[in-house]
């Protein structure tokens, strides 16, 4: 009996030491024991491409530039993802829709949600052709949409205006929020001030994860957005040639957010329904 007691005490001490070590390494973002949701942040230069998947669902938000679709398809093949439950094109700039044609030609896609501001570009034309070949009718959002997938709640916020005087493409960005238990994840597309202020007027609740709008470029509405959202972790999609603004990083650091820059490498972020945690973070 005494030997058994000693073993139990030793196990308790080792467990406490292990947990203390983990806390010291990553206080703000504890590692989750069970990880139902993975957010794969592709390193696509100054472009957006995010794959969110669970054991039974997969959704792609944006596709990077032309030619990047093969990277997305390759990742899906390596991870046994044969179909997408949804493809969300936040807006039609080439660094968001460019790789969509390849994705549509290579993977089964159940539904496509898109912005309401088309563009005259080769990337957009290729995307429309791929939709036609796949027999998919994309849903152009002029009203908000929500749906459930594998225990997650997806909410897509549509732009209130048919057209915007300033930056009409960026300001038409679909804004996507995913709720996993008590944890929120917010993707802002390339929203500029007009669109961000429109979203803030809805008094959104805090979110543990924030995809920073428009590649981390500074804009007046960012201060209010970041203060309102209070992210634990923020992802910025930028490139060495077009880096994020220092003012944006300073604002994120001030609120205590851990920052991931995709220009420094791809990253996997996990959500366990209570918090977000980072498997590997590129060091700045």
Protein backbone atom coordinates (compact mmCIF):
# COMPACT_ATOMS: atom_id res chain seq x y z
CA UNK A 1 0.00 0.00 0.00
CA UNK A 2 2.85 2.36 0.91
CA UNK A 3 4.54 1.71 -2.44
CA UNK A 4 1.32 2.48 -4.26
CA UNK A 5 0.93 5.74 -2.30
CA UNK A 6 4.49 6.78 -3.18
CA UNK A 7 3.83 6.10 -6.87
CA UNK A 8 0.68 8.21 -6.79
CA UNK A 9 2.55 11.08 -5.12
CA UNK A 10 5.35 10.85 -7.68
CA UNK A 11 2.84 10.90 -10.55
CA UNK A 12 1.16 13.98 -9.08
CA UNK A 13 4.51 15.80 -8.74
CA UNK A 14 5.51 14.97 -12.32
CA UNK A 15 2.11 16.08 -13.65
CA UNK A 16 2.37 19.39 -11.77
CA UNK A 17 5.89 19.97 -13.11
CA UNK A 18 4.77 19.20 -16.63
CA UNK A 19 1.82 21.61 -16.44
CA UNK A 20 4.00 24.31 -14.91
CA UNK A 21 6.52 23.89 -17.74
CA UNK A 22 3.80 24.21 -20.35
CA UNK A 23 2.43 27.35 -18.67
CA UNK A 24 5.86 28.94 -18.63
CA UNK A 25 6.34 28.33 -22.33
CA UNK A 26 2.93 29.60 -23.46
CA UNK A 27 0.99 31.34 -20.73
CA UNK A 28 -1.58 33.09 -22.93
CA UNK A 29 -2.37 30.11 -25.14
CA UNK A 30 -2.47 26.77 -23.25
CA UNK A 31 -2.26 23.61 -25.30
CA UNK A 32 -5.61 21.88 -25.66
CA UNK A 33 -5.92 18.19 -24.76
CA UNK A 34 -8.61 17.61 -27.39
CA UNK A 35 -8.60 19.57 -30.61
CA UNK A 36 -11.84 19.40 -32.58
CA UNK A 37 -11.05 22.35 -34.87
CA UNK A 38 -7.87 23.01 -36.85
CA UNK A 39 -7.25 26.31 -38.63
CA UNK A 40 -4.49 25.93 -41.20
CA UNK A 41 -3.12 29.34 -42.12
CA UNK A 42 -1.35 29.02 -45.46
CA UNK A 43 1.75 31.07 -46.14
CA UNK A 44 0.58 32.61 -49.41
CA UNK A 45 2.43 35.91 -49.47
CA UNK A 46 0.20 38.97 -49.31
CA UNK A 47 -2.84 36.80 -49.85
CA UNK A 48 -5.46 35.00 -47.79
CA UNK A 49 -6.02 31.24 -47.66
CA UNK A 50 -7.40 29.47 -44.56
CA UNK A 51 -8.61 25.89 -44.24
CA UNK A 52 -10.76 25.16 -41.19
CA UNK A 53 -11.50 21.50 -40.57
CA UNK A 54 -12.75 19.02 -37.99
CA UNK A 55 -13.03 15.26 -38.14
CA UNK A 56 -16.21 15.54 -40.21
CA UNK A 57 -16.12 18.93 -41.96
CA UNK A 58 -13.88 21.26 -43.95
CA UNK A 59 -14.35 24.88 -45.05
CA UNK A 60 -11.95 27.00 -47.08
CA UNK A 61 -11.90 30.78 -46.68
CA UNK A 62 -10.21 32.38 -49.72
CA UNK A 63 -7.67 30.78 -52.02
CA UNK A 64 -4.62 33.01 -52.44
CA UNK A 65 -3.36 34.16 -55.83
CA UNK A 66 -3.40 32.34 -59.17
CA UNK A 67 -1.28 29.21 -58.91
CA UNK A 68 -1.74 28.82 -55.16
CA UNK A 69 -4.67 26.46 -55.60
CA UNK A 70 -2.28 23.55 -56.09
CA UNK A 71 -0.82 24.20 -52.61
CA UNK A 72 -4.29 24.08 -51.09
CA UNK A 73 -5.21 20.91 -52.97
CA UNK A 74 -1.91 19.29 -51.99
CA UNK A 75 -2.50 20.03 -48.32
CA UNK A 76 -6.01 18.58 -48.52
CA UNK A 77 -4.71 15.40 -50.15
CA UNK A 78 -1.99 15.00 -47.51
CA UNK A 79 -4.57 15.35 -44.74
CA UNK A 80 -7.25 13.10 -46.23
CA UNK A 81 -9.69 15.92 -47.03
CA UNK A 82 -11.59 14.86 -50.14
CA UNK A 83 -14.34 17.48 -50.17
CA UNK A 84 -15.16 20.93 -48.87
CA UNK A 85 -18.47 21.55 -47.17
CA UNK A 86 -18.12 25.19 -48.15
CA UNK A 87 -15.85 27.56 -50.04
CA UNK A 88 -16.11 31.19 -48.93
CA UNK A 89 -14.72 33.89 -51.23
CA UNK A 90 -14.68 37.02 -49.09
CA UNK A 91 -14.22 39.28 -52.15
CA UNK A 92 -12.85 39.08 -55.67
CA UNK A 93 -9.38 40.64 -55.45
CA UNK A 94 -6.85 38.35 -57.13
CA UNK A 95 -5.10 37.54 -53.84
CA UNK A 96 -8.31 35.99 -52.51
CA UNK A 97 -9.96 34.37 -55.55
CA UNK A 98 -6.84 33.55 -57.62
CA UNK A 99 -6.49 29.90 -56.57
CA UNK A 100 -10.22 29.14 -56.52
CA UNK A 101 -10.39 27.70 -60.05
CA UNK A 102 -7.86 24.98 -59.23
CA UNK A 103 -9.65 24.13 -55.98
CA UNK A 104 -13.00 23.81 -57.74
CA UNK A 105 -11.52 21.60 -60.45
CA UNK A 106 -9.75 19.31 -57.97
CA UNK A 107 -12.06 18.94 -54.98
CA UNK A 108 -15.74 18.28 -54.48
CA UNK A 109 -17.33 21.44 -53.09
CA UNK A 110 -20.80 21.34 -51.53
CA UNK A 111 -21.53 25.08 -51.42
CA UNK A 112 -19.90 28.36 -52.44
CA UNK A 113 -20.57 31.72 -50.76
CA UNK A 114 -19.27 34.84 -52.44
CA UNK A 115 -19.10 38.60 -52.21
CA UNK A 116 -21.54 40.82 -54.10
CA UNK A 117 -18.91 42.98 -55.89
CA UNK A 118 -17.57 41.24 -59.04
CA UNK A 119 -14.33 42.32 -60.74
CA UNK A 120 -13.13 42.38 -64.33
CA UNK A 121 -10.07 40.13 -64.04
CA UNK A 122 -8.60 36.90 -65.41
CA UNK A 123 -8.79 35.34 -61.94
CA UNK A 124 -12.48 36.15 -61.62
CA UNK A 125 -13.23 34.80 -65.12
CA UNK A 126 -11.35 31.57 -64.37
CA UNK A 127 -13.31 31.20 -61.15
CA UNK A 128 -16.65 31.61 -62.95
CA UNK A 129 -15.63 29.05 -65.57
CA UNK A 130 -14.60 26.54 -62.89
CA UNK A 131 -17.93 27.01 -61.09
CA UNK A 132 -19.76 26.29 -64.34
CA UNK A 133 -17.71 23.17 -65.07
CA UNK A 134 -18.35 21.90 -61.54
CA UNK A 135 -22.09 22.55 -61.90
CA UNK A 136 -22.10 24.82 -58.85
CA UNK A 137 -24.24 27.92 -58.47
CA UNK A 138 -22.47 30.19 -56.02
CA UNK A 139 -24.59 32.03 -53.51
CA UNK A 140 -24.00 35.79 -53.72
CA UNK A 141 -24.61 37.16 -50.25
CA UNK A 142 -26.61 40.33 -49.79
CA UNK A 143 -28.03 39.11 -46.49
CA UNK A 144 -26.37 37.39 -43.54
CA UNK A 145 -26.18 33.59 -43.52
CA UNK A 146 -25.60 31.10 -40.74
CA UNK A 147 -25.23 27.32 -40.70
CA UNK A 148 -23.97 24.53 -38.44
CA UNK A 149 -21.22 22.03 -39.27
CA UNK A 150 -19.97 19.30 -36.94
CA UNK A 151 -20.86 21.24 -33.80
CA UNK A 152 -19.57 24.59 -35.06
CA UNK A 153 -21.78 27.59 -35.80
CA UNK A 154 -20.81 29.55 -38.91
CA UNK A 155 -22.05 33.12 -39.41
CA UNK A 156 -21.30 35.06 -42.59
CA UNK A 157 -21.93 38.78 -42.36
CA UNK A 158 -22.83 40.31 -45.73
CA UNK A 159 -22.04 43.93 -46.63
CA UNK A 160 -24.94 46.32 -46.02
CA UNK A 161 -24.28 48.37 -49.14
CA UNK A 162 -24.58 47.21 -52.74
CA UNK A 163 -21.56 49.38 -53.56
CA UNK A 164 -19.15 51.50 -51.54
CA UNK A 165 -17.71 54.85 -52.64
CA UNK A 166 -14.28 54.03 -51.19
CA UNK A 167 -12.49 50.75 -51.87
CA UNK A 168 -15.64 49.01 -53.16
CA UNK A 169 -14.02 45.57 -53.47
CA UNK A 170 -12.39 45.49 -50.03
CA UNK A 171 -15.41 47.01 -48.35
CA UNK A 172 -17.63 44.33 -49.88
CA UNK A 173 -15.69 41.68 -47.93
CA UNK A 174 -17.72 38.94 -46.30
CA UNK A 175 -16.92 38.80 -42.58
CA UNK A 176 -16.93 35.29 -41.14
CA UNK A 177 -17.36 34.30 -37.51
CA UNK A 178 -17.14 30.74 -36.24
CA UNK A 179 -18.32 29.75 -32.78
CA UNK A 180 -16.82 26.64 -31.22
CA UNK A 181 -18.27 26.23 -27.73
CA UNK A 182 -17.41 29.47 -25.94
CA UNK A 183 -14.62 30.29 -28.38
CA UNK A 184 -15.09 32.73 -31.27
CA UNK A 185 -12.94 33.00 -34.40
CA UNK A 186 -13.31 36.10 -36.59
CA UNK A 187 -12.11 36.51 -40.18
CA UNK A 188 -12.33 40.11 -41.43
CA UNK A 189 -11.32 39.65 -45.08
CA UNK A 190 -9.94 42.92 -46.44
CA UNK A 191 -12.52 45.11 -44.72
CA UNK A 192 -11.63 48.80 -44.79
CA UNK A 193 -12.91 51.45 -42.38
CA UNK A 194 -16.44 51.65 -43.86
CA UNK A 195 -17.01 47.90 -43.65
CA UNK A 196 -15.33 47.49 -40.27
CA UNK A 197 -17.37 50.31 -38.75
CA UNK A 198 -20.51 48.75 -40.23
CA UNK A 199 -19.66 45.48 -38.48
CA UNK A 200 -18.77 47.19 -35.20
CA UNK A 201 -22.17 48.88 -35.18
CA UNK A 202 -23.63 45.41 -34.56
CA UNK A 203 -21.76 45.32 -31.22
CA UNK A 204 -19.93 42.02 -31.87
CA UNK A 205 -18.81 39.94 -28.91
CA UNK A 206 -15.11 39.23 -28.19
CA UNK A 207 -13.31 36.48 -30.13
CA UNK A 208 -10.23 34.48 -29.16
CA UNK A 209 -8.94 34.51 -32.77
CA UNK A 210 -8.77 37.43 -35.21
CA UNK A 211 -7.72 37.39 -38.84
CA UNK A 212 -6.62 41.01 -39.06
CA UNK A 213 -8.27 42.89 -41.95
CA UNK A 214 -6.43 43.92 -45.12
CA UNK A 215 -3.05 42.34 -44.48
CA UNK A 216 -2.34 44.36 -41.36
CA UNK A 217 -2.45 47.76 -43.02
CA UNK A 218 -3.20 50.52 -40.55
CA UNK A 219 -6.66 52.06 -40.56
CA UNK A 220 -8.52 54.19 -38.06
CA UNK A 221 -11.15 51.55 -37.24
CA UNK A 222 -8.54 48.99 -36.11
CA UNK A 223 -8.22 50.42 -32.60
CA UNK A 224 -11.92 50.04 -31.87
CA UNK A 225 -12.05 46.61 -33.55
CA UNK A 226 -9.15 45.17 -31.56
CA UNK A 227 -10.36 46.66 -28.28
CA UNK A 228 -13.83 45.19 -28.89
CA UNK A 229 -12.67 41.76 -30.07
CA UNK A 230 -9.81 41.36 -27.52
CA UNK A 231 -8.14 38.48 -29.43
CA UNK A 232 -5.80 36.02 -27.73
CA UNK A 233 -4.24 35.32 -31.09
CA UNK A 234 -4.12 37.44 -34.25
CA UNK A 235 -3.05 36.35 -37.73
CA UNK A 236 -1.71 38.82 -40.29
CA UNK A 237 -1.36 37.84 -43.96
CA UNK A 238 1.48 39.91 -45.40
CA UNK A 239 4.65 39.50 -47.45
CA UNK A 240 8.27 40.61 -47.24
CA UNK A 241 7.64 42.98 -50.14
CA UNK A 242 4.44 44.34 -48.58
CA UNK A 243 4.75 43.92 -44.81
CA UNK A 244 2.13 44.82 -42.23
CA UNK A 245 2.22 48.29 -40.67
CA UNK A 246 4.12 48.74 -37.41
CA UNK A 247 1.18 50.64 -35.90
CA UNK A 248 -1.03 47.58 -36.36
CA UNK A 249 1.45 45.28 -34.62
CA UNK A 250 1.86 47.77 -31.76
CA UNK A 251 -1.90 47.85 -31.25
CA UNK A 252 -2.11 44.04 -31.16
CA UNK A 253 0.81 43.79 -28.73
CA UNK A 254 -0.78 46.41 -26.50
CA UNK A 255 -3.93 44.31 -26.15
CA UNK A 256 -1.84 41.22 -25.32
CA UNK A 257 -2.52 39.26 -28.51
CA UNK A 258 -0.04 36.67 -29.72
CA UNK A 259 0.78 37.53 -33.33
CA UNK A 260 1.27 35.11 -36.24
CA UNK A 261 2.70 36.52 -39.46
CA UNK A 262 2.09 34.19 -42.40
CA UNK A 263 4.99 35.80 -44.28
CA UNK A 264 7.19 33.92 -41.80
CA UNK A 265 5.60 30.54 -42.47
CA UNK A 266 2.36 28.59 -42.36
CA UNK A 267 0.79 27.90 -38.99
CA UNK A 268 -1.72 25.50 -37.46
CA UNK A 269 -4.06 26.91 -34.83
CA UNK A 270 -6.33 24.71 -32.75
CA UNK A 271 -9.55 25.41 -30.87
CA UNK A 272 -10.89 23.14 -28.14
CA UNK A 273 -14.19 24.96 -27.63
CA UNK A 274 -12.78 27.15 -24.86
CA UNK A 275 -9.56 28.68 -26.14
CA UNK A 276 -7.19 28.78 -29.10
CA UNK A 277 -3.69 27.35 -28.98
CA UNK A 278 -0.77 27.45 -31.35
CA UNK A 279 1.21 24.35 -32.23
CA UNK A 280 4.10 26.21 -33.76
CA UNK A 281 4.53 29.98 -33.96
CA UNK A 282 6.97 31.70 -36.36
CA UNK A 283 9.20 33.89 -34.24
CA UNK A 284 9.50 37.56 -35.16
